[in-house]
C-alpha cells in the first residue's frame, strides 16, 4: 500500500509488482497508508489536510466499470485543516 501524487491510495500485488487497486478519496498528494489486519482497516493521510479510513469487506460483490476500488469502502474521514 502506498500513497501517490494524484491523491490515490495504491494497493500493490506483491507477486507481480503491479498496482491491483486504486482507491479514490483524497484531493491532493497522499503521503502514507497504514494497514490494521485485525480490523481490516486502512488509514491514509494527505496534503489535503485529511485522514481517511477505509474498510475492507472480503464479502463485497464486485462492481462493474470505473476505478478498481472493490471491495474497499471509504468509511469516514477527518479534516485536519484550519477551522475544520
N, C-alpha and C. Protein backbone atom coordinates (compact mmCIF):
# COMPACT_ATOMS: atom_id res chain seq x y z
N UNK A 1 0.84 -1.16 0.00
CA UNK A 1 0.00 0.00 0.00
C UNK A 1 0.88 1.23 0.00
N UNK A 2 0.47 2.21 -0.74
CA UNK A 2 1.23 3.45 -0.78
C UNK A 2 0.32 4.59 -1.21
N UNK A 3 0.81 5.80 -0.98
CA UNK A 3 0.12 6.98 -1.47
C UNK A 3 0.62 7.30 -2.86
N UNK A 4 0.09 8.38 -3.44
CA UNK A 4 0.53 8.80 -4.77
C UNK A 4 0.35 10.31 -4.92
N UNK A 5 1.02 10.86 -5.92
CA UNK A 5 0.95 12.30 -6.14
C UNK A 5 -0.41 12.77 -6.63
N UNK A 6 -1.20 11.87 -7.21
CA UNK A 6 -2.51 12.28 -7.73
C UNK A 6 -3.63 12.09 -6.71
N UNK A 7 -3.29 11.73 -5.46
CA UNK A 7 -4.28 11.60 -4.41
C UNK A 7 -4.85 10.20 -4.24
N UNK A 8 -4.50 9.28 -5.12
CA UNK A 8 -4.97 7.90 -4.99
C UNK A 8 -4.20 7.18 -3.89
N UNK A 9 -4.80 6.13 -3.36
CA UNK A 9 -4.12 5.18 -2.50
C UNK A 9 -3.94 3.94 -3.36
N UNK A 10 -2.71 3.46 -3.44
CA UNK A 10 -2.41 2.33 -4.32
C UNK A 10 -2.25 1.05 -3.51
N UNK A 11 -2.92 -0.01 -3.97
CA UNK A 11 -2.79 -1.33 -3.38
C UNK A 11 -1.99 -2.15 -4.39
N UNK A 12 -0.87 -2.71 -3.93
CA UNK A 12 0.05 -3.40 -4.82
C UNK A 12 -0.09 -4.91 -4.70
N UNK A 13 0.05 -5.60 -5.83
CA UNK A 13 0.15 -7.05 -5.86
C UNK A 13 1.62 -7.38 -5.67
N UNK A 14 1.95 -8.02 -4.56
CA UNK A 14 3.35 -8.28 -4.24
C UNK A 14 4.00 -9.29 -5.19
N UNK A 15 3.23 -10.19 -5.74
CA UNK A 15 3.81 -11.18 -6.65
C UNK A 15 4.18 -10.58 -8.00
N UNK A 16 3.29 -9.77 -8.57
CA UNK A 16 3.54 -9.20 -9.90
C UNK A 16 4.26 -7.85 -9.84
N UNK A 17 4.13 -7.15 -8.69
CA UNK A 17 4.71 -5.82 -8.58
C UNK A 17 3.86 -4.75 -9.23
N UNK A 18 2.64 -5.10 -9.62
CA UNK A 18 1.73 -4.15 -10.28
C UNK A 18 0.69 -3.63 -9.29
N UNK A 19 0.13 -2.46 -9.62
CA UNK A 19 -0.98 -1.91 -8.83
C UNK A 19 -2.20 -2.77 -9.10
N UNK A 20 -2.82 -3.30 -8.04
CA UNK A 20 -4.01 -4.13 -8.22
C UNK A 20 -5.29 -3.35 -7.97
N UNK A 21 -5.21 -2.31 -7.13
CA UNK A 21 -6.39 -1.48 -6.85
C UNK A 21 -5.94 -0.05 -6.61
N UNK A 22 -6.84 0.88 -6.97
CA UNK A 22 -6.59 2.31 -6.85
C UNK A 22 -7.78 2.91 -6.11
N UNK A 23 -7.55 3.42 -4.90
CA UNK A 23 -8.64 3.97 -4.10
C UNK A 23 -8.70 5.48 -4.26
N UNK A 24 -9.90 6.00 -4.51
CA UNK A 24 -10.12 7.44 -4.64
C UNK A 24 -10.62 8.01 -3.32
N UNK A 25 -10.27 9.23 -3.02
CA UNK A 25 -10.79 9.86 -1.81
C UNK A 25 -10.08 11.15 -1.49
N UNK A 26 -8.77 11.16 -1.63
CA UNK A 26 -8.01 12.38 -1.35
C UNK A 26 -7.97 13.27 -2.59
N UNK A 27 -7.80 14.58 -2.35
CA UNK A 27 -7.78 15.55 -3.44
C UNK A 27 -6.40 16.14 -3.68
N UNK A 28 -5.40 15.67 -2.95
CA UNK A 28 -4.03 16.14 -3.10
C UNK A 28 -3.10 14.97 -2.83
N UNK A 29 -1.82 15.20 -2.83
CA UNK A 29 -0.82 14.15 -2.63
C UNK A 29 -1.16 13.33 -1.39
N UNK A 30 -1.16 12.00 -1.55
CA UNK A 30 -1.37 11.09 -0.43
C UNK A 30 -0.01 10.63 0.06
N UNK A 31 0.27 10.91 1.34
CA UNK A 31 1.60 10.67 1.88
C UNK A 31 1.82 9.26 2.42
N UNK A 32 0.85 8.73 3.11
CA UNK A 32 1.10 7.50 3.84
C UNK A 32 -0.16 6.65 3.92
N UNK A 33 0.05 5.35 4.10
CA UNK A 33 -1.03 4.40 4.28
C UNK A 33 -0.60 3.39 5.34
N UNK A 34 -1.46 3.14 6.31
CA UNK A 34 -1.16 2.20 7.40
C UNK A 34 -2.29 1.19 7.49
N UNK A 35 -1.95 -0.09 7.50
CA UNK A 35 -2.91 -1.19 7.49
C UNK A 35 -3.02 -1.83 8.87
N UNK A 36 -4.25 -2.08 9.33
CA UNK A 36 -4.50 -2.84 10.56
C UNK A 36 -5.18 -4.14 10.14
N UNK A 37 -4.44 -5.27 10.12
CA UNK A 37 -5.01 -6.52 9.63
C UNK A 37 -6.11 -7.09 10.53
N UNK A 38 -6.06 -6.82 11.81
CA UNK A 38 -7.08 -7.35 12.73
C UNK A 38 -8.45 -6.73 12.46
N UNK A 39 -8.49 -5.45 12.11
CA UNK A 39 -9.75 -4.75 11.85
C UNK A 39 -10.07 -4.65 10.37
N UNK A 40 -9.15 -5.11 9.51
CA UNK A 40 -9.29 -4.94 8.06
C UNK A 40 -9.53 -3.47 7.74
N UNK A 41 -8.69 -2.61 8.32
CA UNK A 41 -8.87 -1.16 8.25
C UNK A 41 -7.58 -0.51 7.76
N UNK A 42 -7.71 0.41 6.83
CA UNK A 42 -6.60 1.15 6.28
C UNK A 42 -6.79 2.63 6.63
N UNK A 43 -5.75 3.28 7.10
CA UNK A 43 -5.78 4.72 7.36
C UNK A 43 -4.80 5.39 6.41
N UNK A 44 -5.22 6.52 5.80
CA UNK A 44 -4.37 7.25 4.87
C UNK A 44 -4.38 8.73 5.24
N UNK A 45 -3.28 9.42 4.91
CA UNK A 45 -3.22 10.86 5.16
C UNK A 45 -2.72 11.56 3.90
N UNK A 46 -3.12 12.82 3.78
CA UNK A 46 -2.87 13.54 2.54
C UNK A 46 -2.54 15.01 2.80
N UNK A 47 -1.97 15.63 1.79
CA UNK A 47 -1.70 17.06 1.81
C UNK A 47 -3.00 17.87 1.75
N UNK A 48 -4.15 17.22 1.52
CA UNK A 48 -5.43 17.92 1.53
C UNK A 48 -5.95 18.12 2.96
N UNK A 49 -5.11 17.83 3.95
CA UNK A 49 -5.41 18.02 5.38
C UNK A 49 -6.48 17.04 5.88
N UNK A 50 -6.54 15.85 5.30
CA UNK A 50 -7.48 14.85 5.78
C UNK A 50 -6.77 13.54 6.13
N UNK A 51 -7.36 12.83 7.06
CA UNK A 51 -7.02 11.43 7.34
C UNK A 51 -8.26 10.64 7.00
N UNK A 52 -8.12 9.66 6.14
CA UNK A 52 -9.27 8.84 5.73
C UNK A 52 -9.07 7.41 6.19
N UNK A 53 -10.16 6.77 6.54
CA UNK A 53 -10.10 5.36 6.90
C UNK A 53 -10.92 4.57 5.88
N UNK A 54 -10.44 3.38 5.58
CA UNK A 54 -11.03 2.52 4.56
C UNK A 54 -11.26 1.16 5.18
N UNK A 55 -12.44 0.63 4.98
CA UNK A 55 -12.80 -0.68 5.50
C UNK A 55 -12.73 -1.68 4.34
N UNK A 56 -12.10 -2.81 4.57
CA UNK A 56 -12.01 -3.85 3.55
C UNK A 56 -13.06 -4.91 3.83
N UNK A 57 -13.94 -5.14 2.88
CA UNK A 57 -15.02 -6.12 3.03
C UNK A 57 -14.76 -7.29 2.07
N UNK A 58 -14.29 -8.38 2.61
CA UNK A 58 -13.96 -9.55 1.78
C UNK A 58 -15.19 -10.14 1.09
N UNK A 59 -16.38 -9.86 1.60
CA UNK A 59 -17.61 -10.43 1.06
C UNK A 59 -18.34 -9.50 0.10
N UNK A 60 -17.76 -8.34 -0.19
CA UNK A 60 -18.43 -7.38 -1.07
C UNK A 60 -18.48 -7.91 -2.50
N UNK A 61 -19.63 -7.79 -3.16
CA UNK A 61 -19.71 -8.23 -4.57
C UNK A 61 -18.94 -7.26 -5.46
N UNK A 62 -18.31 -7.74 -6.52
CA UNK A 62 -17.59 -6.83 -7.43
C UNK A 62 -18.56 -5.91 -8.16
N UNK A 63 -18.09 -4.69 -8.43
CA UNK A 63 -18.87 -3.72 -9.20
C UNK A 63 -18.28 -3.59 -10.59
N UNK A 64 -19.08 -3.19 -11.56
CA UNK A 64 -18.61 -3.06 -12.94
C UNK A 64 -18.10 -1.66 -13.21
N UNK A 65 -17.05 -1.56 -14.01
CA UNK A 65 -16.55 -0.29 -14.53
C UNK A 65 -15.91 0.60 -13.49
N UNK A 66 -15.43 1.76 -13.95
CA UNK A 66 -14.85 2.76 -13.06
C UNK A 66 -13.49 2.35 -12.51
N UNK A 67 -13.13 3.00 -11.45
CA UNK A 67 -11.85 2.71 -10.80
C UNK A 67 -11.86 1.34 -10.16
N UNK A 68 -10.68 0.79 -9.96
CA UNK A 68 -10.56 -0.50 -9.30
C UNK A 68 -10.62 -0.27 -7.79
N UNK A 69 -11.80 -0.26 -7.22
CA UNK A 69 -11.90 0.07 -5.81
C UNK A 69 -12.61 -0.98 -4.98
N UNK A 70 -12.97 -2.13 -5.54
CA UNK A 70 -13.63 -3.17 -4.77
C UNK A 70 -12.60 -4.08 -4.15
N UNK A 71 -12.88 -4.63 -3.03
CA UNK A 71 -14.02 -4.49 -2.14
C UNK A 71 -13.78 -3.44 -1.05
N UNK A 72 -13.13 -2.35 -1.38
CA UNK A 72 -12.84 -1.29 -0.41
C UNK A 72 -14.00 -0.32 -0.32
N UNK A 73 -14.25 0.16 0.89
CA UNK A 73 -15.30 1.15 1.10
C UNK A 73 -14.70 2.26 1.96
N UNK A 74 -14.82 3.49 1.50
CA UNK A 74 -14.35 4.60 2.31
C UNK A 74 -15.31 4.75 3.47
N UNK A 75 -14.78 4.73 4.65
CA UNK A 75 -15.61 4.66 5.83
C UNK A 75 -15.87 6.04 6.42
N UNK A 76 -14.85 6.78 6.70
CA UNK A 76 -15.00 8.12 7.26
C UNK A 76 -13.70 8.87 7.08
N UNK A 77 -13.75 10.18 7.32
CA UNK A 77 -12.51 10.94 7.27
C UNK A 77 -12.57 12.10 8.26
N UNK A 78 -11.39 12.59 8.60
CA UNK A 78 -11.27 13.75 9.47
C UNK A 78 -10.55 14.85 8.72
N UNK A 79 -11.08 16.05 8.75
CA UNK A 79 -10.43 17.20 8.17
C UNK A 79 -9.52 17.81 9.23
N UNK A 80 -8.24 17.88 8.94
CA UNK A 80 -7.27 18.40 9.89
C UNK A 80 -6.84 19.81 9.56
N UNK A 81 -7.49 20.44 8.58
CA UNK A 81 -7.12 21.79 8.18
C UNK A 81 -7.59 22.84 9.16
N UNK A 82 -7.16 24.05 8.95
CA UNK A 82 -7.56 25.16 9.82
C UNK A 82 -9.07 25.35 9.80
N UNK A 83 -9.64 25.51 10.97
CA UNK A 83 -11.06 25.80 11.09
C UNK A 83 -11.97 24.63 10.79
N UNK A 84 -11.40 23.43 10.59
CA UNK A 84 -12.27 22.35 10.22
C UNK A 84 -12.11 21.17 11.06
